[in-house]
């Protein structure tokens, strides 16, 4: 089993839509939190999460949210609220 830690930030496009920046893989939960907190001061929105799974089978658990800051796209908000 492997666990990935990812920080996804967002910027606002010319027409007001939120655009996903290139996701950043963190080395662990603490690193993801520090990175997300730092990005939250300059980005419109940031989410940090982890996902654990088995690479050989391709089966992964649902994401565990570590940090949410600012505005996120509505489709992402709906998924996290479920």
C-alpha atoms as a PDB file:
ATOM      1  CA  UNK A   1       0.000   0.000   0.000  1.00  0.00           C
ATOM      2  CA  UNK A   2       1.241   3.483  -0.861  1.00  0.00           C
ATOM      3  CA  UNK A   3       0.005   6.900   0.268  1.00  0.00           C
ATOM      4  CA  UNK A   4       0.236  10.001  -1.896  1.00  0.00           C
ATOM      5  CA  UNK A   5       0.105  13.504  -0.449  1.00  0.00           C
ATOM      6  CA  UNK A   6      -0.996  16.204  -2.881  1.00  0.00           C
ATOM      7  CA  UNK A   7      -1.478  19.972  -2.705  1.00  0.00           C
ATOM      8  CA  UNK A   8      -3.750  21.494  -5.353  1.00  0.00           C
ATOM      9  CA  UNK A   9      -3.959  25.267  -5.673  1.00  0.00           C
ATOM     10  CA  UNK A  10      -6.259  27.417  -7.795  1.00  0.00           C
ATOM     11  CA  UNK A  11      -6.016  30.788  -9.518  1.00  0.00           C
ATOM     12  CA  UNK A  12      -8.816  32.913 -10.924  1.00  0.00           C
ATOM     13  CA  UNK A  13      -8.907  33.147 -14.720  1.00  0.00           C
ATOM     14  CA  UNK A  14      -9.658  36.235 -16.796  1.00  0.00           C
ATOM     15  CA  UNK A  15     -13.376  35.433 -16.864  1.00  0.00           C
ATOM     16  CA  UNK A  16     -13.595  34.698 -13.162  1.00  0.00           C
ATOM     17  CA  UNK A  17     -13.463  30.909 -13.326  1.00  0.00           C
ATOM     18  CA  UNK A  18     -11.212  29.026 -10.934  1.00  0.00           C
ATOM     19  CA  UNK A  19      -8.369  27.285 -12.739  1.00  0.00           C
ATOM     20  CA  UNK A  20      -6.386  24.406 -11.260  1.00  0.00           C
ATOM     21  CA  UNK A  21      -2.649  24.974 -11.002  1.00  0.00           C
ATOM     22  CA  UNK A  22      -0.219  22.092 -11.466  1.00  0.00           C
ATOM     23  CA  UNK A  23      -0.655  19.778  -8.437  1.00  0.00           C
ATOM     24  CA  UNK A  24       2.352  19.357  -6.165  1.00  0.00           C
ATOM     25  CA  UNK A  25       3.207  16.035  -4.552  1.00  0.00           C
ATOM     26  CA  UNK A  26       4.347  16.391  -0.937  1.00  0.00           C
ATOM     27  CA  UNK A  27       6.598  14.016   0.965  1.00  0.00           C
ATOM     28  CA  UNK A  28       4.160  13.557   3.854  1.00  0.00           C
ATOM     29  CA  UNK A  29       1.229  15.040   5.739  1.00  0.00           C
ATOM     30  CA  UNK A  30       3.302  17.689   7.536  1.00  0.00           C
ATOM     31  CA  UNK A  31       4.928  18.801   4.293  1.00  0.00           C
ATOM     32  CA  UNK A  32       1.519  18.983   2.581  1.00  0.00           C
ATOM     33  CA  UNK A  33       0.107  21.117   5.405  1.00  0.00           C
ATOM     34  CA  UNK A  34       3.067  23.518   5.412  1.00  0.00           C
ATOM     35  CA  UNK A  35       2.933  23.893   1.640  1.00  0.00           C
ATOM     36  CA  UNK A  36      -0.848  24.412   1.608  1.00  0.00           C
ATOM     37  CA  UNK A  37      -0.685  27.011   4.375  1.00  0.00           C
ATOM     38  CA  UNK A  38       2.042  28.893   2.511  1.00  0.00           C
ATOM     39  CA  UNK A  39       0.150  28.795  -0.798  1.00  0.00           C
ATOM     40  CA  UNK A  40      -3.081  29.927   0.886  1.00  0.00           C
ATOM     41  CA  UNK A  41      -1.590  33.400   1.327  1.00  0.00           C
ATOM     42  CA  UNK A  42      -1.049  33.865  -2.431  1.00  0.00           C
ATOM     43  CA  UNK A  43      -3.606  31.633  -4.172  1.00  0.00           C
ATOM     44  CA  UNK A  44      -7.383  31.960  -4.502  1.00  0.00           C
ATOM     45  CA  UNK A  45      -7.891  28.472  -3.109  1.00  0.00           C
ATOM     46  CA  UNK A  46      -5.875  25.503  -1.878  1.00  0.00           C
ATOM     47  CA  UNK A  47      -6.677  21.951  -0.900  1.00  0.00           C
ATOM     48  CA  UNK A  48      -4.248  19.363   0.477  1.00  0.00           C
ATOM     49  CA  UNK A  49      -5.195  15.716   0.626  1.00  0.00           C
ATOM     50  CA  UNK A  50      -3.837  12.205   0.893  1.00  0.00           C
ATOM     51  CA  UNK A  51      -4.856   9.058  -0.895  1.00  0.00           C
ATOM     52  CA  UNK A  52      -3.820   5.520  -0.013  1.00  0.00           C
ATOM     53  CA  UNK A  53      -4.044   2.517  -2.246  1.00  0.00           C
ATOM     54  CA  UNK A  54      -2.533  -0.494  -3.906  1.00  0.00           C
ATOM     55  CA  UNK A  55      -0.589   0.226  -7.095  1.00  0.00           C
ATOM     56  CA  UNK A  56      -0.736  -3.392  -8.260  1.00  0.00           C
ATOM     57  CA  UNK A  57      -4.547  -3.514  -8.248  1.00  0.00           C
ATOM     58  CA  UNK A  58      -5.250   0.175  -8.875  1.00  0.00           C
ATOM     59  CA  UNK A  59      -7.634   0.277  -5.916  1.00  0.00           C
ATOM     60  CA  UNK A  60      -7.444   3.476  -3.882  1.00  0.00           C
ATOM     61  CA  UNK A  61      -9.337   4.701  -0.842  1.00  0.00           C
ATOM     62  CA  UNK A  62     -11.256   7.968  -0.898  1.00  0.00           C
ATOM     63  CA  UNK A  63      -9.118  11.042  -0.380  1.00  0.00           C
ATOM     64  CA  UNK A  64      -8.543  12.317   3.141  1.00  0.00           C
ATOM     65  CA  UNK A  65      -8.676  16.115   3.251  1.00  0.00           C
ATOM     66  CA  UNK A  66      -5.796  17.644   5.212  1.00  0.00           C
ATOM     67  CA  UNK A  67      -6.349  21.353   4.490  1.00  0.00           C
ATOM     68  CA  UNK A  68      -8.877  23.595   2.737  1.00  0.00           C
ATOM     69  CA  UNK A  69      -8.342  27.294   2.266  1.00  0.00           C
ATOM     70  CA  UNK A  70     -10.047  29.955   0.174  1.00  0.00           C
ATOM     71  CA  UNK A  71     -12.341  29.382  -2.795  1.00  0.00           C
ATOM     72  CA  UNK A  72     -12.600  26.019  -4.520  1.00  0.00           C
ATOM     73  CA  UNK A  73     -14.472  25.051  -7.694  1.00  0.00           C
ATOM     74  CA  UNK A  74     -18.108  24.185  -6.997  1.00  0.00           C
ATOM     75  CA  UNK A  75     -17.738  20.596  -8.245  1.00  0.00           C
ATOM     76  CA  UNK A  76     -14.911  20.030  -5.768  1.00  0.00           C
ATOM     77  CA  UNK A  77     -16.953  21.536  -2.919  1.00  0.00           C
ATOM     78  CA  UNK A  78     -19.826  19.160  -3.711  1.00  0.00           C
ATOM     79  CA  UNK A  79     -17.545  16.111  -3.637  1.00  0.00           C
ATOM     80  CA  UNK A  80     -16.024  17.127  -0.299  1.00  0.00           C
ATOM     81  CA  UNK A  81     -19.456  17.786   1.226  1.00  0.00           C
ATOM     82  CA  UNK A  82     -20.681  14.281   0.346  1.00  0.00           C
END
